[in-house]
Amino acid sequence: MLFTDRTDAGRRLGEALRHLERRDPVVLGLPRGGVPVAYEVARILDAPLDVIVVRKLGVPHHPELGFGAIGEGGVRVISDEIVRHAGVREAEVSSVERAEETELLRRAGAYRAGRTRIPLRGRAVVVVDDGVATGATARAACQVVRAQGAAYVALAVPVASSDVAARLGGDVDEIVCLSTPALFSAVGEWYGDFSQTSDEEVVALLSRAPADGVTAESVEVDAGGVPLTGDLVLPSGAGAVVVFAHGSGSSRLSPRNRAVATALNRAGLGTLLFDLLTPGEEVYRANVFDIGLLSARLSDTTRWLRNRVALPVGSFGASTGAAAALRAAAAPDSGIGAVVSRGGRPDLAGVDLSGVRAPTLLIVGGEDTTVIDLNRQARAALFCENRLEIVPGATHLFEEPGALDLVADLARNWFTAHLLPPG
């Protein structure tokens, strides 16, 4: 064993890369295992973090042999020599490209969860993976980054075979590798913990990572004496902060909520996503639907946040989290300036609906007929400024193409109109 886990490897790699701080770099992690390493590198360098998603183009009937690679932004790197020697026809090249581009866009969209890809033109870029065995993916990533306009490309890995590290030197301006063992068979043998990185972890790390003009940190919220884990993101000059209350069966890692949060961040709004329940509490299903408990946690969290940042606070709730947000907003001293509900169950807030004074936006999918009716009934009980927006063709989770983007736009407009000063 050389590294305890990817976090340990990333911290040690970040220290070895401090000389690049003066270049104001962008850090790119190769998903999935490279992202936890890259996260630590970005944190140490105080640099923005993104993923570098590439797809190898394999020779038909011999896919392990790559004749090129593609990246986002229409970037393609093709080896004419391999295409010629392998006898790959132009139609086959196009067919392979189309198939891989579909998968590339799917993965990039899933990992970023609504975040915009960081432009690389003219920037110094550090490509990070958790280790290099054959070097094929790392080489393709560096070539794609160069084709995307990067002015300086560094490849940084904790461990690699000595021969691969030497071969990759011609594709980059710099290689930083902490260890090149003479006997190398697999990356995982150099880690104590080399467990698989999930897509959810990649999404969470990207959301928490530094970005240009944005500060992001993991926080521990004191909710009535109970410590709850949260992720606080504050864009430079943020004018307000929105607290997210997730629904049943979800958590602060919800890709849908994080996609909305990213849209709010781009509009200059801070966001706090936190877990309403501790891991021990989540195992009891009744807690997930205990609106009194959830709203109390949200109220405590709002007070904690207002003591930390002197900014207006809004609340975004999904499913049962919407009921918790509305019940919390009904308290006379709630401090909540606006509420947005996504696919929510505001009816579960009961008689507290009449006490809500914060302007409230209810967003429901057009195909979510039962919840539409419940929202209409709840709206009749609200005496505050309120509106019901129905997203055509969307189901309860807004998984249809473009549906979540519309939710984010509606939420952004509502919060900016009611939390930010006019102008």
Protein backbone atom coordinates (compact mmCIF):
# COMPACT_ATOMS: atom_id res chain seq x y z
CA MET A 1 0.00 0.00 0.00
CA LEU A 2 1.18 3.50 -0.87
CA PHE A 3 -1.98 5.58 -0.27
CA THR A 4 -4.70 5.16 2.33
CA ASP A 5 -7.43 6.10 -0.14
CA ARG A 6 -8.13 8.58 -2.94
CA THR A 7 -8.51 11.47 -0.50
CA ASP A 8 -5.06 10.80 0.93
CA ALA A 9 -3.63 10.50 -2.59
CA GLY A 10 -5.27 13.76 -3.66
CA ARG A 11 -3.92 15.70 -0.72
CA ARG A 12 -0.40 14.47 -1.29
CA LEU A 13 -0.67 15.12 -5.01
CA GLY A 14 -2.03 18.63 -4.37
CA GLU A 15 0.99 19.51 -2.25
CA ALA A 16 3.26 18.33 -5.05
CA LEU A 17 1.43 20.64 -7.47
CA ARG A 18 1.65 23.87 -5.47
CA HIS A 19 4.11 25.31 -7.98
CA LEU A 20 1.18 25.54 -10.42
CA GLU A 21 -0.83 27.89 -8.17
CA ARG A 22 0.68 30.92 -9.91
CA ARG A 23 -0.72 29.70 -13.23
CA ASP A 24 -4.34 29.99 -11.96
CA PRO A 25 -5.13 26.46 -13.21
CA VAL A 26 -8.33 24.56 -13.88
CA VAL A 27 -8.35 21.04 -12.39
CA LEU A 28 -10.06 18.29 -14.38
CA GLY A 29 -10.82 14.88 -12.89
CA LEU A 30 -11.27 11.74 -14.97
CA PRO A 31 -14.50 10.10 -13.83
CA ARG A 32 -15.14 8.34 -11.80
CA GLY A 33 -12.14 7.43 -9.64
CA GLY A 34 -10.08 10.47 -10.61
CA VAL A 35 -12.62 12.96 -9.29
CA PRO A 36 -12.07 12.39 -5.52
CA VAL A 37 -8.33 12.82 -6.14
CA ALA A 38 -8.91 15.93 -8.26
CA TYR A 39 -11.24 17.39 -5.63
CA GLU A 40 -8.43 17.46 -3.08
CA VAL A 41 -6.00 18.89 -5.64
CA ALA A 42 -8.47 21.67 -6.52
CA ARG A 43 -9.04 22.43 -2.84
CA ILE A 44 -5.33 22.78 -2.12
CA LEU A 45 -4.68 24.90 -5.24
CA ASP A 46 -7.90 26.90 -4.65
CA ALA A 47 -8.72 26.11 -8.28
CA PRO A 48 -12.02 25.40 -10.08
CA LEU A 49 -12.85 21.72 -10.60
CA ASP A 50 -14.57 20.05 -13.51
CA VAL A 51 -14.68 16.63 -15.13
CA ILE A 52 -12.95 15.75 -18.37
CA VAL A 53 -15.21 13.31 -20.18
CA VAL A 54 -13.66 11.56 -23.16
CA ARG A 55 -14.68 8.56 -25.21
CA LYS A 56 -12.26 6.32 -27.01
CA LEU A 57 -13.14 5.52 -30.61
CA GLY A 58 -12.55 1.81 -31.10
CA VAL A 59 -11.92 0.03 -34.37
CA PRO A 60 -15.06 -1.95 -35.32
CA HIS A 61 -14.67 -5.69 -34.53
CA HIS A 62 -11.49 -4.78 -32.61
CA PRO A 63 -12.76 -2.16 -30.09
CA GLU A 64 -9.80 -2.42 -27.74
CA LEU A 65 -7.73 -0.77 -30.47
CA GLY A 66 -8.52 2.93 -30.46
CA PHE A 67 -8.25 5.01 -33.61
CA GLY A 68 -9.03 8.25 -31.80
CA ALA A 69 -11.01 9.98 -29.08
CA ILE A 70 -13.71 12.62 -28.76
CA GLY A 71 -14.44 15.22 -26.11
CA GLU A 72 -17.03 17.85 -25.40
CA GLY A 73 -17.42 20.84 -27.66
CA GLY A 74 -17.10 18.75 -30.82
CA VAL A 75 -13.43 17.99 -30.20
CA ARG A 76 -12.09 14.94 -32.02
CA VAL A 77 -8.58 13.51 -32.14
CA ILE A 78 -8.15 10.93 -34.92
CA SER A 79 -5.11 8.83 -35.78
CA ASP A 80 -5.13 8.70 -39.59
CA GLU A 81 -2.39 6.08 -39.46
CA ILE A 82 -4.46 3.64 -37.37
CA VAL A 83 -7.57 4.32 -39.46
CA ARG A 84 -5.60 3.51 -42.60
CA HIS A 85 -3.80 0.42 -41.28
CA ALA A 86 -6.96 -1.01 -39.68
CA GLY A 87 -8.97 -0.43 -42.84
CA VAL A 88 -11.67 1.58 -41.09
CA ARG A 89 -14.04 3.07 -43.65
CA GLU A 90 -15.30 6.64 -43.40
CA ALA A 91 -18.85 5.44 -42.75
CA GLU A 92 -17.59 3.28 -39.86
CA VAL A 93 -15.70 6.22 -38.38
CA SER A 94 -18.88 8.30 -38.43
CA SER A 95 -20.97 5.50 -36.96
CA VAL A 96 -18.58 4.94 -34.04
CA GLU A 97 -18.34 8.68 -33.40
CA ARG A 98 -22.12 9.12 -33.27
CA ALA A 99 -22.56 6.28 -30.79
CA GLU A 100 -19.76 7.48 -28.52
CA GLU A 101 -20.90 11.11 -28.67
CA THR A 102 -24.33 10.12 -27.37
CA GLU A 103 -22.75 8.36 -24.40
CA LEU A 104 -20.28 11.21 -23.83
CA LEU A 105 -23.05 13.82 -23.61
CA ARG A 106 -25.13 11.59 -21.34
CA ARG A 107 -22.30 11.09 -18.90
CA ALA A 108 -21.17 14.72 -18.92
CA GLY A 109 -24.73 15.90 -18.25
CA ALA A 110 -25.22 13.39 -15.44
CA TYR A 111 -21.96 14.28 -13.71
CA ARG A 112 -22.37 18.05 -13.91
CA ALA A 113 -26.06 18.01 -12.97
CA GLY A 114 -26.68 21.35 -14.64
CA ARG A 115 -23.27 22.94 -14.12
CA THR A 116 -21.69 24.65 -17.11
CA ARG A 117 -18.47 23.19 -18.52
CA ILE A 118 -15.50 25.39 -17.63
CA PRO A 119 -13.92 26.89 -20.80
CA LEU A 120 -10.28 25.86 -21.17
CA ARG A 121 -9.05 28.17 -23.94
CA GLY A 122 -5.91 29.95 -22.83
CA ARG A 123 -5.94 28.31 -19.38
CA ALA A 124 -3.45 26.11 -17.59
CA VAL A 125 -5.10 22.73 -17.03
CA VAL A 126 -4.25 19.91 -14.63
CA VAL A 127 -5.69 16.54 -15.69
CA VAL A 128 -5.99 14.21 -12.69
CA ASP A 129 -6.64 10.48 -12.40
CA ASP A 130 -6.26 8.06 -9.48
CA GLY A 131 -3.54 6.18 -11.35
CA VAL A 132 -2.39 5.17 -14.80
CA ALA A 133 -2.11 1.58 -15.98
CA THR A 134 -2.18 1.52 -19.80
CA GLY A 135 -2.34 5.30 -20.23
CA ALA A 136 -4.92 5.18 -23.04
CA THR A 137 -7.61 7.20 -21.26
CA ALA A 138 -5.19 9.71 -19.75
CA ARG A 139 -3.54 10.27 -23.12
CA ALA A 140 -6.89 10.80 -24.83
CA ALA A 141 -7.93 13.25 -22.11
CA CYS A 142 -4.75 15.31 -22.46
CA GLN A 143 -5.09 15.38 -26.25
CA VAL A 144 -8.71 16.52 -25.98
CA VAL A 145 -7.82 19.22 -23.45
CA ARG A 146 -5.14 20.52 -25.79
CA ALA A 147 -7.61 20.53 -28.67
CA GLN A 148 -10.05 22.50 -26.50
CA GLY A 149 -7.52 25.33 -26.38
CA ALA A 150 -5.60 24.80 -23.15
CA ALA A 151 -2.36 26.81 -23.13
CA TYR A 152 -0.59 24.50 -20.66
CA VAL A 153 -1.43 20.86 -19.91
CA ALA A 154 -0.17 18.96 -16.86
CA LEU A 155 -1.02 15.34 -16.12
CA ALA A 156 -1.06 14.56 -12.40
CA VAL A 157 -1.47 11.06 -10.96
CA PRO A 158 -0.51 9.47 -7.64
CA VAL A 159 0.91 6.31 -9.22
CA ALA A 160 1.75 4.98 -12.69
CA SER A 161 3.97 2.41 -14.33
CA SER A 162 7.32 3.90 -15.27
CA ASP A 163 7.07 3.06 -18.97
CA VAL A 164 3.59 4.58 -19.35
CA ALA A 165 4.64 7.78 -17.60
CA ALA A 166 7.53 8.10 -20.03
CA ARG A 167 5.29 7.53 -23.08
CA LEU A 168 2.80 10.19 -22.03
CA GLY A 169 5.45 12.87 -21.76
CA GLY A 170 5.08 13.84 -25.39
CA ASP A 171 1.38 14.74 -24.97
CA VAL A 172 1.72 17.17 -22.08
CA ASP A 173 3.85 20.04 -20.86
CA GLU A 174 4.41 18.42 -17.49
CA ILE A 175 3.82 15.13 -15.70
CA VAL A 176 3.61 14.99 -11.92
CA CYS A 177 3.55 11.43 -10.59
CA LEU A 178 4.27 10.61 -6.96
CA SER A 179 5.35 7.03 -7.57
CA THR A 180 6.42 4.92 -10.55
CA PRO A 181 6.95 1.41 -9.13
CA ALA A 182 9.17 -0.95 -11.09
CA LEU A 183 6.69 -3.79 -10.52
CA PHE A 184 3.27 -2.50 -11.53
CA SER A 185 0.22 -4.59 -12.37
CA ALA A 186 -2.83 -2.60 -11.25
CA VAL A 187 -3.58 0.83 -9.78
CA GLY A 188 -5.69 -0.58 -6.95
CA GLU A 189 -2.82 -2.50 -5.39
CA TRP A 190 -1.26 0.80 -4.31
CA TYR A 191 -4.30 1.86 -2.27
CA GLY A 192 -5.53 0.58 1.08
CA ASP A 193 -9.09 1.52 0.09
CA PHE A 194 -9.79 1.44 -3.65
CA SER A 195 -13.56 1.03 -3.45
CA GLN A 196 -15.59 2.11 -6.47
CA THR A 197 -16.54 5.77 -6.78
CA SER A 198 -20.26 6.22 -7.46
CA ASP A 199 -21.87 8.65 -9.89
CA GLU A 200 -23.56 10.30 -6.89
CA GLU A 201 -20.18 10.94 -5.26
CA VAL A 202 -18.88 12.53 -8.46
CA VAL A 203 -21.91 14.84 -8.61
CA ALA A 204 -21.53 15.79 -4.95
CA LEU A 205 -17.81 16.53 -5.22
CA LEU A 206 -18.27 18.70 -8.29
CA SER A 207 -21.01 20.65 -6.53
CA ARG A 208 -18.85 21.22 -3.45
CA ALA A 209 -15.67 22.04 -5.30
CA PRO A 210 -14.21 25.51 -5.84
CA ALA A 211 -15.32 27.35 -8.98
CA ASP A 212 -14.33 30.63 -10.57
CA GLY A 213 -15.67 33.35 -8.28
CA VAL A 214 -17.40 30.84 -5.98
CA THR A 215 -16.55 29.58 -2.50
CA ALA A 216 -17.81 26.13 -1.52
CA GLU A 217 -17.39 24.30 1.76
CA SER A 218 -18.72 21.39 3.73
CA VAL A 219 -20.38 22.57 6.93
CA GLU A 220 -21.87 21.06 10.05
CA VAL A 221 -25.20 22.62 10.86
CA ASP A 222 -26.33 22.79 14.49
CA ALA A 223 -30.05 21.96 14.30
CA GLY A 224 -31.29 22.06 17.88
CA GLY A 225 -28.18 20.32 19.13
CA VAL A 226 -28.17 17.72 16.35
CA PRO A 227 -25.20 18.01 13.93
CA LEU A 228 -26.29 17.80 10.29
CA THR A 229 -23.98 17.68 7.27
CA GLY A 230 -24.36 20.36 4.62
CA ASP A 231 -22.75 21.90 1.54
CA LEU A 232 -22.67 25.71 1.44
CA VAL A 233 -21.91 27.50 -1.84
CA LEU A 234 -21.53 31.28 -2.00
CA PRO A 235 -20.83 33.03 -5.32
CA SER A 236 -18.78 36.20 -5.11
CA GLY A 237 -21.11 39.06 -4.16
CA ALA A 238 -24.03 36.74 -3.43
CA GLY A 239 -27.18 38.72 -2.65
CA ALA A 240 -29.15 35.96 -0.92
CA VAL A 241 -28.97 32.31 0.10
CA VAL A 242 -31.47 29.51 -0.59
CA VAL A 243 -31.79 26.56 1.81
CA PHE A 244 -32.83 23.26 0.21
CA ALA A 245 -35.14 20.79 1.94
CA HIS A 246 -35.05 17.44 0.13
CA GLY A 247 -37.92 15.02 -0.12
CA SER A 248 -38.52 11.51 1.15
CA GLY A 249 -35.88 8.99 0.13
CA SER A 250 -33.47 11.72 -0.94
CA SER A 251 -30.55 13.64 0.59
CA ARG A 252 -28.36 16.67 0.06
CA LEU A 253 -26.73 14.70 -2.79
CA SER A 254 -29.95 14.75 -4.87
CA PRO A 255 -28.85 15.36 -8.50
CA ARG A 256 -32.11 17.21 -9.22
CA ASN A 257 -31.76 19.63 -6.32
CA ARG A 258 -28.09 20.14 -7.12
CA ALA A 259 -28.94 20.99 -10.72
CA VAL A 260 -31.33 23.67 -9.51
CA ALA A 261 -28.77 24.89 -6.97
CA THR A 262 -26.16 25.31 -9.69
CA ALA A 263 -28.56 27.44 -11.73
CA LEU A 264 -29.15 29.62 -8.67
CA ASN A 265 -25.40 29.93 -8.10
CA ARG A 266 -24.94 31.16 -11.66
CA ALA A 267 -27.54 33.84 -10.92
CA GLY A 268 -25.56 35.08 -7.90
CA LEU A 269 -27.54 33.23 -5.23
CA GLY A 270 -25.87 31.16 -2.54
CA THR A 271 -27.19 27.70 -1.69
CA LEU A 272 -27.15 25.40 1.31
CA LEU A 273 -27.99 21.74 0.74
CA PHE A 274 -28.05 19.70 3.93
CA ASP A 275 -29.34 16.41 5.29
CA LEU A 276 -32.51 16.89 7.34
CA LEU A 277 -31.91 13.63 9.21
CA THR A 278 -28.86 11.88 10.60
CA PRO A 279 -27.92 8.48 9.11
CA GLY A 280 -29.31 6.80 12.22
CA GLU A 281 -32.62 8.64 11.93
CA GLU A 282 -33.05 7.86 8.24
CA VAL A 283 -33.45 4.14 8.87
CA TYR A 284 -36.81 4.81 10.57
CA ARG A 285 -39.26 5.44 7.75
CA ALA A 286 -41.63 7.41 9.98
CA ASN A 287 -38.99 10.15 10.39
CA VAL A 288 -38.98 10.79 6.64
CA PHE A 289 -42.65 11.81 6.82
CA ASP A 290 -42.50 13.59 10.19
CA ILE A 291 -43.19 17.10 8.89
CA GLY A 292 -43.00 18.56 12.40
CA LEU A 293 -39.49 17.18 12.89
CA LEU A 294 -38.34 18.20 9.42
CA SER A 295 -39.70 21.73 9.67
CA ALA A 296 -38.06 22.19 13.08
CA ARG A 297 -34.73 21.11 11.60
CA LEU A 298 -35.23 23.53 8.72
CA SER A 299 -36.07 26.39 11.11
CA ASP A 300 -32.95 25.68 13.19
CA THR A 301 -30.83 25.52 10.04
CA THR A 302 -32.23 28.83 8.79
CA ARG A 303 -31.34 30.50 12.08
CA TRP A 304 -27.86 28.96 11.92
CA LEU A 305 -27.41 30.29 8.39
CA ARG A 306 -28.66 33.80 9.21
CA ASN A 307 -26.11 34.00 12.02
CA ARG A 308 -23.38 32.97 9.60
CA VAL A 309 -24.22 35.18 6.59
CA ALA A 310 -26.03 38.51 6.73
CA LEU A 311 -28.15 37.86 3.65
CA PRO A 312 -31.83 37.29 2.85
CA VAL A 313 -32.79 33.61 3.00
CA GLY A 314 -35.16 31.65 0.77
CA SER A 315 -36.28 28.04 0.96
CA PHE A 316 -36.58 25.42 -1.80
CA GLY A 317 -38.48 22.25 -0.95
CA ALA A 318 -39.11 19.05 -2.90
CA SER A 319 -41.81 16.48 -2.11
CA THR A 320 -42.18 16.26 1.69
CA GLY A 321 -39.44 18.88 1.98
CA ALA A 322 -41.86 21.41 0.51
CA ALA A 323 -44.27 20.84 3.41
CA ALA A 324 -41.40 21.29 5.86
CA ALA A 325 -40.37 24.52 4.09
CA LEU A 326 -43.88 25.96 4.24
CA ARG A 327 -44.45 25.00 7.88
CA ALA A 328 -41.09 26.57 8.79
CA ALA A 329 -41.99 29.70 6.82
CA ALA A 330 -45.25 30.02 8.78
CA ALA A 331 -43.38 30.75 12.01
CA PRO A 332 -43.54 34.50 12.87
CA ASP A 333 -39.75 34.74 13.21
CA SER A 334 -38.89 32.37 10.33
CA GLY A 335 -36.74 34.85 8.44
CA ILE A 336 -37.65 33.08 5.19
CA GLY A 337 -38.20 35.62 2.42
CA ALA A 338 -39.47 33.35 -0.38
CA VAL A 339 -40.42 29.71 -0.92
CA VAL A 340 -40.33 27.47 -4.00
CA SER A 341 -41.86 23.98 -4.04
CA ARG A 342 -40.84 21.39 -6.68
CA GLY A 343 -43.24 18.50 -7.04
CA GLY A 344 -44.15 19.21 -3.44
CA ARG A 345 -46.73 18.07 -0.96
CA PRO A 346 -47.72 21.44 0.50
CA ASP A 347 -50.95 19.88 1.74
CA LEU A 348 -48.90 18.09 4.43
CA ALA A 349 -48.22 21.48 6.05
CA GLY A 350 -51.91 21.45 7.07
CA VAL A 351 -53.31 24.46 8.91
CA ASP A 352 -49.88 26.13 8.93
CA LEU A 353 -50.41 27.11 5.29
CA SER A 354 -52.58 30.02 6.37
CA GLY A 355 -49.69 31.45 8.39
CA VAL A 356 -47.19 31.58 5.51
CA ARG A 357 -46.30 35.17 4.58
CA ALA A 358 -43.35 34.51 2.27
CA PRO A 359 -44.16 34.68 -1.48
CA THR A 360 -44.61 31.06 -2.57
CA LEU A 361 -44.17 29.40 -5.98
CA LEU A 362 -45.57 25.90 -6.49
CA ILE A 363 -44.10 23.95 -9.43
CA VAL A 364 -45.71 20.68 -10.52
CA GLY A 365 -45.29 18.38 -13.53
CA GLY A 366 -48.16 18.38 -15.99
CA GLU A 367 -48.42 14.58 -15.84
CA ASP A 368 -48.36 14.52 -12.04
CA THR A 369 -52.15 14.87 -11.82
CA THR A 370 -52.67 13.82 -8.20
CA VAL A 371 -50.04 16.25 -6.96
CA ILE A 372 -51.49 19.02 -9.15
CA ASP A 373 -54.81 18.63 -7.33
CA LEU A 374 -53.09 18.65 -3.93
CA ASN A 375 -51.20 21.83 -4.85
CA ARG A 376 -54.37 23.53 -6.03
CA GLN A 377 -56.05 22.71 -2.73
CA ALA A 378 -53.04 23.96 -0.78
CA ARG A 379 -52.90 27.15 -2.81
CA ALA A 380 -56.47 27.95 -1.76
CA ALA A 381 -55.29 27.87 1.87
CA LEU A 382 -52.40 30.30 1.27
CA PHE A 383 -52.97 33.99 2.03
CA CYS A 384 -49.52 35.11 0.84
CA GLU A 385 -48.52 36.03 -2.70
CA ASN A 386 -48.43 32.72 -4.55
CA ARG A 387 -48.43 31.11 -7.98
CA LEU A 388 -48.85 27.62 -9.41
CA GLU A 389 -46.66 26.72 -12.41
CA ILE A 390 -47.36 23.49 -14.27
CA VAL A 391 -44.50 22.14 -16.42
CA PRO A 392 -46.09 20.55 -19.53
CA GLY A 393 -45.31 16.87 -20.08
CA ALA A 394 -43.29 16.51 -16.87
CA THR A 395 -43.80 13.69 -14.38
CA HIS A 396 -43.20 13.84 -10.63
CA LEU A 397 -39.38 13.76 -10.80
CA PHE A 398 -39.07 16.09 -13.83
CA GLU A 399 -36.86 13.55 -15.60
CA GLU A 400 -38.06 14.51 -19.10
CA PRO A 401 -35.64 16.47 -21.35
CA GLY A 402 -35.71 20.17 -20.48
CA ALA A 403 -38.17 19.78 -17.59
CA LEU A 404 -35.64 20.35 -14.82
CA ASP A 405 -34.13 23.28 -16.72
CA LEU A 406 -37.53 24.95 -16.69
CA VAL A 407 -37.85 24.28 -12.94
CA ALA A 408 -34.45 25.92 -12.40
CA ASP A 409 -35.45 28.95 -14.49
CA LEU A 410 -38.72 29.39 -12.59
CA ALA A 411 -37.00 29.05 -9.21
CA ARG A 412 -34.22 31.46 -10.18
CA ASN A 413 -36.68 34.10 -11.35
CA TRP A 414 -38.82 33.75 -8.22
CA PHE A 415 -35.92 34.02 -5.79
CA THR A 416 -34.20 36.89 -7.58
CA ALA A 417 -37.48 38.81 -7.76
CA HIS A 418 -38.34 38.34 -4.08
CA LEU A 419 -34.96 38.13 -2.32
CA LEU A 420 -32.72 40.53 -4.23
CA PRO A 421 -33.12 44.31 -4.22
CA PRO A 422 -34.58 45.75 -7.43
CA GLY A 423 -32.16 47.02 -9.98
